[in-house]
Amino acid sequence: ALHQIVTGLTGHLIGDLFETLHPAGGILFGVLALIHIVLNWAW
């Protein structure tokens, strides 16, 4: 989540690197969020 915030706020500064880091981080964030929900499904 911190990675997504930082790359989102500084995307214009890091240019082409943003095009790789931010989308990949978003996919990882989504997968981790689903795993988190599955592990907490009883709650």
All heavy atoms as atom14 arrays in JSON, in Angstrom:
{
  "sequence": "ALHQIVTGLTGHLIGDLFETLHPAGGILFGVLALIHIVLNWAW",
  "atom14_mask": [
    [1, 1, 1, 1, 1, 0, 0, 0, 0, 0, 0, 0, 0, 0],
    [1, 1, 1, 1, 1, 1, 1, 1, 0, 0, 0, 0, 0, 0],
    [1, 1, 1, 1, 1, 1, 1, 1, 1, 1, 0, 0, 0, 0],
    [1, 1, 1, 1, 1, 1, 1, 1, 1, 0, 0, 0, 0, 0],
    [1, 1, 1, 1, 1, 1, 1, 1, 0, 0, 0, 0, 0, 0],
    [1, 1, 1, 1, 1, 1, 1, 0, 0, 0, 0, 0, 0, 0],
    [1, 1, 1, 1, 1, 1, 1, 0, 0, 0, 0, 0, 0, 0],
    [1, 1, 1, 1, 0, 0, 0, 0, 0, 0, 0, 0, 0, 0],
    [1, 1, 1, 1, 1, 1, 1, 1, 0, 0, 0, 0, 0, 0],
    [1, 1, 1, 1, 1, 1, 1, 0, 0, 0, 0, 0, 0, 0],
    [1, 1, 1, 1, 0, 0, 0, 0, 0, 0, 0, 0, 0, 0],
    [1, 1, 1, 1, 1, 1, 1, 1, 1, 1, 0, 0, 0, 0],
    [1, 1, 1, 1, 1, 1, 1, 1, 0, 0, 0, 0, 0, 0],
    [1, 1, 1, 1, 1, 1, 1, 1, 0, 0, 0, 0, 0, 0],
    [1, 1, 1, 1, 0, 0, 0, 0, 0, 0, 0, 0, 0, 0],
    [1, 1, 1, 1, 1, 1, 1, 1, 0, 0, 0, 0, 0, 0],
    [1, 1, 1, 1, 1, 1, 1, 1, 0, 0, 0, 0, 0, 0],
    [1, 1, 1, 1, 1, 1, 1, 1, 1, 1, 1, 0, 0, 0],
    [1, 1, 1, 1, 1, 1, 1, 1, 1, 0, 0, 0, 0, 0],
    [1, 1, 1, 1, 1, 1, 1, 0, 0, 0, 0, 0, 0, 0],
    [1, 1, 1, 1, 1, 1, 1, 1, 0, 0, 0, 0, 0, 0],
    [1, 1, 1, 1, 1, 1, 1, 1, 1, 1, 0, 0, 0, 0],
    [1, 1, 1, 1, 1, 1, 1, 0, 0, 0, 0, 0, 0, 0],
    [1, 1, 1, 1, 1, 0, 0, 0, 0, 0, 0, 0, 0, 0],
    [1, 1, 1, 1, 0, 0, 0, 0, 0, 0, 0, 0, 0, 0],
    [1, 1, 1, 1, 0, 0, 0, 0, 0, 0, 0, 0, 0, 0],
    [1, 1, 1, 1, 1, 1, 1, 1, 0, 0, 0, 0, 0, 0],
    [1, 1, 1, 1, 1, 1, 1, 1, 0, 0, 0, 0, 0, 0],
    [1, 1, 1, 1, 1, 1, 1, 1, 1, 1, 1, 0, 0, 0],
    [1, 1, 1, 1, 0, 0, 0, 0, 0, 0, 0, 0, 0, 0],
    [1, 1, 1, 1, 1, 1, 1, 0, 0, 0, 0, 0, 0, 0],
    [1, 1, 1, 1, 1, 1, 1, 1, 0, 0, 0, 0, 0, 0],
    [1, 1, 1, 1, 1, 0, 0, 0, 0, 0, 0, 0, 0, 0],
    [1, 1, 1, 1, 1, 1, 1, 1, 0, 0, 0, 0, 0, 0],
    [1, 1, 1, 1, 1, 1, 1, 1, 0, 0, 0, 0, 0, 0],
    [1, 1, 1, 1, 1, 1, 1, 1, 1, 1, 0, 0, 0, 0],
    [1, 1, 1, 1, 1, 1, 1, 1, 0, 0, 0, 0, 0, 0],
    [1, 1, 1, 1, 1, 1, 1, 0, 0, 0, 0, 0, 0, 0],
    [1, 1, 1, 1, 1, 1, 1, 1, 0, 0, 0, 0, 0, 0],
    [1, 1, 1, 1, 1, 1, 1, 1, 0, 0, 0, 0, 0, 0],
    [1, 1, 1, 1, 1, 1, 1, 1, 1, 1, 1, 1, 1, 1],
    [1, 1, 1, 1, 1, 0, 0, 0, 0, 0, 0, 0, 0, 0],
    [1, 1, 1, 1, 1, 1, 1, 1, 1, 1, 1, 1, 1, 1]
  ],
  "atom14_positions": [
    [[0.84, -1.21, 0.0], [0.0, 0.0, 0.0], [0.87, 1.25, 0.0], [0.6, 2.21, -0.75], [-0.93, -0.01, 1.2], [0.0, 0.0, 0.0], [0.0, 0.0, 0.0], [0.0, 0.0, 0.0], [0.0, 0.0, 0.0], [0.0, 0.0, 0.0], [0.0, 0.0, 0.0], [0.0, 0.0, 0.0], [0.0, 0.0, 0.0], [0.0, 0.0, 0.0]],
    [[1.91, 1.26, 0.82], [2.84, 2.4, 0.83], [3.51, 2.57, -0.54], [3.67, 3.69, -1.02], [3.91, 2.22, 1.9], [3.45, 2.4, 3.34], [4.62, 2.14, 4.29], [2.87, 3.78, 3.57], [0.0, 0.0, 0.0], [0.0, 0.0, 0.0], [0.0, 0.0, 0.0], [0.0, 0.0, 0.0], [0.0, 0.0, 0.0], [0.0, 0.0, 0.0]],
    [[3.89, 1.45, -1.13], [4.51, 1.49, -2.46], [3.57, 2.13, -3.48], [3.99, 2.97, -4.28], [4.88, 0.06, -2.89], [5.3, -0.06, -4.31], [4.43, -0.35, -5.32], [6.52, 0.09, -4.89], [5.07, -0.38, -6.47], [6.35, -0.12, -6.23], [0.0, 0.0, 0.0], [0.0, 0.0, 0.0], [0.0, 0.0, 0.0], [0.0, 0.0, 0.0]],
    [[2.3, 1.75, -3.44], [1.33, 2.31, -4.37], [1.15, 3.81, -4.15], [1.04, 4.57, -5.1], [-0.02, 1.59, -4.23], [-0.02, 0.2, -4.81], [0.32, 0.19, -6.27], [1.43, -0.15, -6.66], [-0.62, 0.56, -7.1], [0.0, 0.0, 0.0], [0.0, 0.0, 0.0], [0.0, 0.0, 0.0], [0.0, 0.0, 0.0], [0.0, 0.0, 0.0]],
    [[1.12, 4.23, -2.9], [0.98, 5.65, -2.59], [2.18, 6.43, -3.11], [2.03, 7.45, -3.78], [0.79, 5.87, -1.08], [-0.57, 5.31, -0.64], [0.92, 7.35, -0.71], [-0.73, 5.2, 0.86], [0.0, 0.0, 0.0], [0.0, 0.0, 0.0], [0.0, 0.0, 0.0], [0.0, 0.0, 0.0], [0.0, 0.0, 0.0], [0.0, 0.0, 0.0]],
    [[3.37, 5.94, -2.81], [4.59, 6.64, -3.22], [4.72, 6.69, -4.74], [4.99, 7.74, -5.31], [5.84, 6.0, -2.58], [7.11, 6.54, -3.18], [5.84, 6.21, -1.07], [0.0, 0.0, 0.0], [0.0, 0.0, 0.0], [0.0, 0.0, 0.0], [0.0, 0.0, 0.0], [0.0, 0.0, 0.0], [0.0, 0.0, 0.0], [0.0, 0.0, 0.0]],
    [[4.5, 5.57, -5.4], [4.63, 5.58, -6.86], [3.5, 6.39, -7.5], [3.7, 6.99, -8.55], [4.66, 4.16, -7.46], [3.48, 3.45, -7.1], [5.9, 3.41, -7.02], [0.0, 0.0, 0.0], [0.0, 0.0, 0.0], [0.0, 0.0, 0.0], [0.0, 0.0, 0.0], [0.0, 0.0, 0.0], [0.0, 0.0, 0.0], [0.0, 0.0, 0.0]],
    [[2.34, 6.41, -6.87], [1.25, 7.21, -7.4], [1.51, 8.7, -7.29], [1.21, 9.48, -8.19], [0.0, 0.0, 0.0], [0.0, 0.0, 0.0], [0.0, 0.0, 0.0], [0.0, 0.0, 0.0], [0.0, 0.0, 0.0], [0.0, 0.0, 0.0], [0.0, 0.0, 0.0], [0.0, 0.0, 0.0], [0.0, 0.0, 0.0], [0.0, 0.0, 0.0]],
    [[2.11, 9.11, -6.16], [2.39, 10.53, -5.95], [3.62, 11.02, -6.7], [3.72, 12.19, -7.03], [2.56, 10.81, -4.45], [1.3, 10.66, -3.6], [1.64, 10.82, -2.12], [0.22, 11.63, -4.02], [0.0, 0.0, 0.0], [0.0, 0.0, 0.0], [0.0, 0.0, 0.0], [0.0, 0.0, 0.0], [0.0, 0.0, 0.0], [0.0, 0.0, 0.0]],
    [[4.55, 10.12, -6.95], [5.81, 10.53, -7.59], [5.95, 9.97, -9.0], [7.04, 10.0, -9.57], [7.02, 10.08, -6.76], [7.02, 8.65, -6.66], [7.01, 10.69, -5.38], [0.0, 0.0, 0.0], [0.0, 0.0, 0.0], [0.0, 0.0, 0.0], [0.0, 0.0, 0.0], [0.0, 0.0, 0.0], [0.0, 0.0, 0.0], [0.0, 0.0, 0.0]],
    [[4.87, 9.48, -9.55], [4.92, 8.86, -10.88], [5.47, 9.79, -11.94], [6.22, 9.37, -12.82], [0.0, 0.0, 0.0], [0.0, 0.0, 0.0], [0.0, 0.0, 0.0], [0.0, 0.0, 0.0], [0.0, 0.0, 0.0], [0.0, 0.0, 0.0], [0.0, 0.0, 0.0], [0.0, 0.0, 0.0], [0.0, 0.0, 0.0], [0.0, 0.0, 0.0]],
    [[5.13, 11.06, -11.87], [5.62, 12.01, -12.88], [7.12, 12.26, -12.74], [7.76, 12.68, -13.7], [4.85, 13.33, -12.76], [5.06, 14.04, -11.48], [4.46, 13.63, -10.3], [5.82, 15.11, -11.16], [4.84, 14.44, -9.33], [5.66, 15.35, -9.81], [0.0, 0.0, 0.0], [0.0, 0.0, 0.0], [0.0, 0.0, 0.0], [0.0, 0.0, 0.0]],
    [[7.69, 11.97, -11.58], [9.13, 12.19, -11.36], [9.97, 11.02, -11.85], [11.1, 11.22, -12.29], [9.42, 12.42, -9.88], [8.76, 13.64, -9.24], [9.05, 13.65, -7.74], [9.25, 14.92, -9.89], [0.0, 0.0, 0.0], [0.0, 0.0, 0.0], [0.0, 0.0, 0.0], [0.0, 0.0, 0.0], [0.0, 0.0, 0.0], [0.0, 0.0, 0.0]],
    [[9.41, 9.81, -11.77], [10.21, 8.64, -12.12], [9.93, 8.13, -13.53], [10.55, 7.17, -13.98], [10.06, 7.51, -11.08], [8.61, 7.09, -10.9], [10.65, 7.92, -9.76], [8.4, 5.94, -9.93], [0.0, 0.0, 0.0], [0.0, 0.0, 0.0], [0.0, 0.0, 0.0], [0.0, 0.0, 0.0], [0.0, 0.0, 0.0], [0.0, 0.0, 0.0]],
    [[8.99, 8.73, -14.21], [8.75, 8.47, -15.63], [8.48, 7.03, -16.0], [7.5, 6.45, -15.55], [0.0, 0.0, 0.0], [0.0, 0.0, 0.0], [0.0, 0.0, 0.0], [0.0, 0.0, 0.0], [0.0, 0.0, 0.0], [0.0, 0.0, 0.0], [0.0, 0.0, 0.0], [0.0, 0.0, 0.0], [0.0, 0.0, 0.0], [0.0, 0.0, 0.0]],
    [[9.33, 6.46, -16.84], [9.11, 5.12, -17.38], [9.1, 4.05, -16.3], [8.41, 3.04, -16.45], [10.18, 4.77, -18.42], [10.05, 5.61, -19.68], [8.93, 6.09, -19.95], [11.06, 5.77, -20.38], [0.0, 0.0, 0.0], [0.0, 0.0, 0.0], [0.0, 0.0, 0.0], [0.0, 0.0, 0.0], [0.0, 0.0, 0.0], [0.0, 0.0, 0.0]],
    [[9.84, 4.26, -15.25], [9.86, 3.29, -14.15], [8.47, 3.17, -13.53], [8.05, 2.1, -13.12], [10.89, 3.71, -13.1], [11.19, 2.72, -11.98], [11.67, 1.4, -12.57], [12.23, 3.3, -11.05], [0.0, 0.0, 0.0], [0.0, 0.0, 0.0], [0.0, 0.0, 0.0], [0.0, 0.0, 0.0], [0.0, 0.0, 0.0], [0.0, 0.0, 0.0]],
    [[7.73, 4.28, -13.5], [6.36, 4.28, -12.99], [5.49, 3.32, -13.77], [4.65, 2.61, -13.19], [5.77, 5.69, -13.06], [4.29, 5.74, -12.76], [3.85, 5.72, -11.46], [3.36, 5.8, -13.78], [2.5, 5.76, -11.17], [2.02, 5.84, -13.52], [1.59, 5.83, -12.2], [0.0, 0.0, 0.0], [0.0, 0.0, 0.0], [0.0, 0.0, 0.0]],
    [[5.67, 3.29, -15.09], [4.85, 2.44, -15.95], [5.01, 0.96, -15.61], [4.12, 0.16, -15.91], [5.21, 2.67, -17.42], [4.96, 4.07, -17.9], [3.49, 4.44, -17.92], [2.64, 3.55, -18.13], [3.18, 5.63, -17.71], [0.0, 0.0, 0.0], [0.0, 0.0, 0.0], [0.0, 0.0, 0.0], [0.0, 0.0, 0.0], [0.0, 0.0, 0.0]],
    [[6.11, 0.59, -15.01], [6.36, -0.79, -14.61], [5.96, -1.04, -13.16], [5.27, -2.01, -12.85], [7.85, -1.15, -14.79], [8.21, -0.91, -16.14], [8.11, -2.59, -14.43], [0.0, 0.0, 0.0], [0.0, 0.0, 0.0], [0.0, 0.0, 0.0], [0.0, 0.0, 0.0], [0.0, 0.0, 0.0], [0.0, 0.0, 0.0], [0.0, 0.0, 0.0]],
    [[6.4, -0.16, -12.27], [6.22, -0.39, -10.85], [4.77, -0.26, -10.37], [4.3, -1.09, -9.59], [7.09, 0.6, -10.04], [8.58, 0.41, -10.11], [9.29, 1.48, -9.31], [8.96, -0.97, -9.62], [0.0, 0.0, 0.0], [0.0, 0.0, 0.0], [0.0, 0.0, 0.0], [0.0, 0.0, 0.0], [0.0, 0.0, 0.0], [0.0, 0.0, 0.0]],
    [[4.08, 0.77, -10.79], [2.75, 1.03, -10.25], [1.72, -0.04, -10.64], [1.02, -0.56, -9.76], [2.28, 2.43, -10.63], [1.12, 2.9, -9.83], [1.21, 3.26, -8.5], [-0.17, 3.08, -10.18], [0.03, 3.63, -8.06], [-0.83, 3.53, -9.06], [0.0, 0.0, 0.0], [0.0, 0.0, 0.0], [0.0, 0.0, 0.0], [0.0, 0.0, 0.0]],
    [[1.61, -0.42, -11.91], [0.65, -1.47, -12.26], [0.97, -2.83, -11.62], [0.07, -3.53, -11.15], [0.73, -1.56, -13.78], [1.26, -0.25, -14.21], [2.18, 0.19, -13.11], [0.0, 0.0, 0.0], [0.0, 0.0, 0.0], [0.0, 0.0, 0.0], [0.0, 0.0, 0.0], [0.0, 0.0, 0.0], [0.0, 0.0, 0.0], [0.0, 0.0, 0.0]],
    [[2.24, -3.18, -11.59], [2.63, -4.46, -10.98], [2.32, -4.44, -9.48], [1.84, -5.43, -8.93], [4.12, -4.71, -11.2], [0.0, 0.0, 0.0], [0.0, 0.0, 0.0], [0.0, 0.0, 0.0], [0.0, 0.0, 0.0], [0.0, 0.0, 0.0], [0.0, 0.0, 0.0], [0.0, 0.0, 0.0], [0.0, 0.0, 0.0], [0.0, 0.0, 0.0]],
    [[2.59, -3.31, -8.84], [2.26, -3.17, -7.42], [0.76, -3.25, -7.18], [0.32, -3.78, -6.16], [0.0, 0.0, 0.0], [0.0, 0.0, 0.0], [0.0, 0.0, 0.0], [0.0, 0.0, 0.0], [0.0, 0.0, 0.0], [0.0, 0.0, 0.0], [0.0, 0.0, 0.0], [0.0, 0.0, 0.0], [0.0, 0.0, 0.0], [0.0, 0.0, 0.0]],
    [[-0.02, -2.71, -8.1], [-1.47, -2.78, -7.97], [-1.99, -4.2, -8.05], [-2.89, -4.59, -7.3], [0.0, 0.0, 0.0], [0.0, 0.0, 0.0], [0.0, 0.0, 0.0], [0.0, 0.0, 0.0], [0.0, 0.0, 0.0], [0.0, 0.0, 0.0], [0.0, 0.0, 0.0], [0.0, 0.0, 0.0], [0.0, 0.0, 0.0], [0.0, 0.0, 0.0]],
    [[-1.43, -4.99, -8.94], [-1.83, -6.4, -9.06], [-1.46, -7.15, -7.78], [-2.27, -7.89, -7.23], [-1.19, -7.04, -10.3], [-1.78, -6.43, -11.56], [-1.35, -8.56, -10.28], [-1.04, -6.78, -12.84], [0.0, 0.0, 0.0], [0.0, 0.0, 0.0], [0.0, 0.0, 0.0], [0.0, 0.0, 0.0], [0.0, 0.0, 0.0], [0.0, 0.0, 0.0]],
    [[-0.24, -6.94, -7.3], [0.19, -7.58, -6.06], [-0.69, -7.16, -4.9], [-1.09, -7.98, -4.07], [1.66, -7.25, -5.77], [2.24, -7.84, -4.49], [2.17, -9.37, -4.52], [3.67, -7.37, -4.28], [0.0, 0.0, 0.0], [0.0, 0.0, 0.0], [0.0, 0.0, 0.0], [0.0, 0.0, 0.0], [0.0, 0.0, 0.0], [0.0, 0.0, 0.0]],
    [[-1.03, -5.88, -4.82], [-1.9, -5.37, -3.77], [-3.26, -6.06, -3.81], [-3.79, -6.47, -2.77], [-2.06, -3.85, -3.91], [-2.84, -3.22, -2.8], [-2.25, -2.94, -1.59], [-4.17, -2.9, -2.98], [-2.97, -2.36, -0.56], [-4.91, -2.31, -1.97], [-4.29, -2.04, -0.75], [0.0, 0.0, 0.0], [0.0, 0.0, 0.0], [0.0, 0.0, 0.0]],
    [[-3.82, -6.21, -4.99], [-5.11, -6.88, -5.13], [-5.07, -8.33, -4.7], [-5.97, -8.81, -4.0], [0.0, 0.0, 0.0], [0.0, 0.0, 0.0], [0.0, 0.0, 0.0], [0.0, 0.0, 0.0], [0.0, 0.0, 0.0], [0.0, 0.0, 0.0], [0.0, 0.0, 0.0], [0.0, 0.0, 0.0], [0.0, 0.0, 0.0], [0.0, 0.0, 0.0]],
    [[-4.03, -9.04, -5.09], [-3.88, -10.44, -4.71], [-3.74, -10.56, -3.19], [-4.38, -11.41, -2.55], [-2.67, -11.08, -5.43], [-2.34, -12.45, -4.86], [-2.94, -11.17, -6.93], [0.0, 0.0, 0.0], [0.0, 0.0, 0.0], [0.0, 0.0, 0.0], [0.0, 0.0, 0.0], [0.0, 0.0, 0.0], [0.0, 0.0, 0.0], [0.0, 0.0, 0.0]],
    [[-2.9, -9.71, -2.61], [-2.72, -9.75, -1.15], [-4.01, -9.39, -0.41], [-4.31, -9.97, 0.63], [-1.6, -8.8, -0.73], [-0.19, -9.24, -1.1], [0.8, -8.11, -0.85], [0.21, -10.48, -0.33], [0.0, 0.0, 0.0], [0.0, 0.0, 0.0], [0.0, 0.0, 0.0], [0.0, 0.0, 0.0], [0.0, 0.0, 0.0], [0.0, 0.0, 0.0]],
    [[-4.78, -8.45, -0.94], [-6.04, -8.09, -0.32], [-7.01, -9.28, -0.33], [-7.69, -9.53, 0.67], [-6.65, -6.9, -1.03], [0.0, 0.0, 0.0], [0.0, 0.0, 0.0], [0.0, 0.0, 0.0], [0.0, 0.0, 0.0], [0.0, 0.0, 0.0], [0.0, 0.0, 0.0], [0.0, 0.0, 0.0], [0.0, 0.0, 0.0], [0.0, 0.0, 0.0]],
    [[-7.06, -10.01, -1.44], [-7.92, -11.19, -1.5], [-7.47, -12.27, -0.52], [-8.3, -12.88, 0.16], [-7.95, -11.76, -2.92], [-8.73, -10.94, -3.94], [-8.56, -11.53, -5.34], [-10.2, -10.88, -3.57], [0.0, 0.0, 0.0], [0.0, 0.0, 0.0], [0.0, 0.0, 0.0], [0.0, 0.0, 0.0], [0.0, 0.0, 0.0], [0.0, 0.0, 0.0]],
    [[-6.17, -12.49, -0.42], [-5.64, -13.45, 0.55], [-5.99, -13.01, 1.96], [-6.4, -13.83, 2.8], [-4.12, -13.63, 0.38], [-3.82, -14.3, -0.96], [-3.53, -14.45, 1.52], [-2.35, -14.29, -1.34], [0.0, 0.0, 0.0], [0.0, 0.0, 0.0], [0.0, 0.0, 0.0], [0.0, 0.0, 0.0], [0.0, 0.0, 0.0], [0.0, 0.0, 0.0]],
    [[-5.87, -11.73, 2.24], [-6.2, -11.18, 3.55], [-7.68, -11.45, 3.89], [-8.0, -11.86, 5.01], [-5.9, -9.68, 3.57], [-6.27, -8.99, 4.83], [-5.48, -9.01, 5.94], [-7.36, -8.25, 5.13], [-6.08, -8.31, 6.89], [-7.23, -7.83, 6.42], [0.0, 0.0, 0.0], [0.0, 0.0, 0.0], [0.0, 0.0, 0.0], [0.0, 0.0, 0.0]],
    [[-8.56, -11.23, 2.94], [-9.99, -11.47, 3.16], [-10.26, -12.95, 3.4], [-11.02, -13.32, 4.3], [-10.82, -10.92, 1.99], [-10.76, -9.39, 2.0], [-12.26, -11.4, 2.07], [-11.32, -8.74, 0.76], [0.0, 0.0, 0.0], [0.0, 0.0, 0.0], [0.0, 0.0, 0.0], [0.0, 0.0, 0.0], [0.0, 0.0, 0.0], [0.0, 0.0, 0.0]],
    [[-9.63, -13.81, 2.61], [-9.82, -15.25, 2.78], [-9.36, -15.7, 4.16], [-10.05, -16.46, 4.85], [-9.08, -16.04, 1.67], [-9.01, -17.52, 1.99], [-9.74, -15.8, 0.33], [0.0, 0.0, 0.0], [0.0, 0.0, 0.0], [0.0, 0.0, 0.0], [0.0, 0.0, 0.0], [0.0, 0.0, 0.0], [0.0, 0.0, 0.0], [0.0, 0.0, 0.0]],
    [[-8.21, -15.2, 4.6], [-7.69, -15.59, 5.91], [-8.54, -15.06, 7.06], [-8.55, -15.63, 8.14], [-6.24, -15.11, 6.08], [-5.21, -15.82, 5.21], [-3.86, -15.14, 5.33], [-5.11, -17.29, 5.59], [0.0, 0.0, 0.0], [0.0, 0.0, 0.0], [0.0, 0.0, 0.0], [0.0, 0.0, 0.0], [0.0, 0.0, 0.0], [0.0, 0.0, 0.0]],
    [[-9.26, -13.97, 6.82], [-10.11, -13.38, 7.85], [-11.6, -13.64, 7.59], [-12.45, -12.94, 8.13], [-9.87, -11.86, 7.92], [-8.55, -11.56, 8.56], [-8.33, -11.87, 9.71], [-7.65, -10.96, 7.79], [0.0, 0.0, 0.0], [0.0, 0.0, 0.0], [0.0, 0.0, 0.0], [0.0, 0.0, 0.0], [0.0, 0.0, 0.0], [0.0, 0.0, 0.0]],
    [[-11.91, -14.65, 6.79], [-13.3, -14.88, 6.39], [-14.21, -15.17, 7.59], [-15.37, -14.76, 7.6], [-13.39, -16.0, 5.37], [-14.77, -16.07, 4.8], [-15.66, -17.08, 4.96], [-15.41, -15.09, 3.98], [-16.82, -16.77, 4.3], [-16.7, -15.55, 3.68], [-15.02, -13.85, 3.48], [-17.59, -14.83, 2.91], [-15.91, -13.13, 2.7], [-17.18, -13.62, 2.43]],
    [[-13.71, -15.85, 8.6], [-14.54, -16.13, 9.79], [-14.96, -14.82, 10.46], [-16.12, -14.68, 10.86], [-13.77, -17.01, 10.77], [0.0, 0.0, 0.0], [0.0, 0.0, 0.0], [0.0, 0.0, 0.0], [0.0, 0.0, 0.0], [0.0, 0.0, 0.0], [0.0, 0.0, 0.0], [0.0, 0.0, 0.0], [0.0, 0.0, 0.0], [0.0, 0.0, 0.0]],
    [[-14.06, -13.88, 10.55], [-14.4, -12.56, 11.12], [-15.4, -11.82, 10.24], [-16.33, -11.21, 10.75], [-13.13, -11.73, 11.3], [-13.41, -10.41, 11.95], [-13.36, -10.14, 13.28], [-13.78, -9.19, 11.3], [-13.7, -8.83, 13.5], [-13.95, -8.21, 12.3], [-13.99, -8.82, 9.98], [-14.32, -6.91, 12.01], [-14.37, -7.52, 9.69], [-14.53, -6.58, 10.71]]
  ]
}
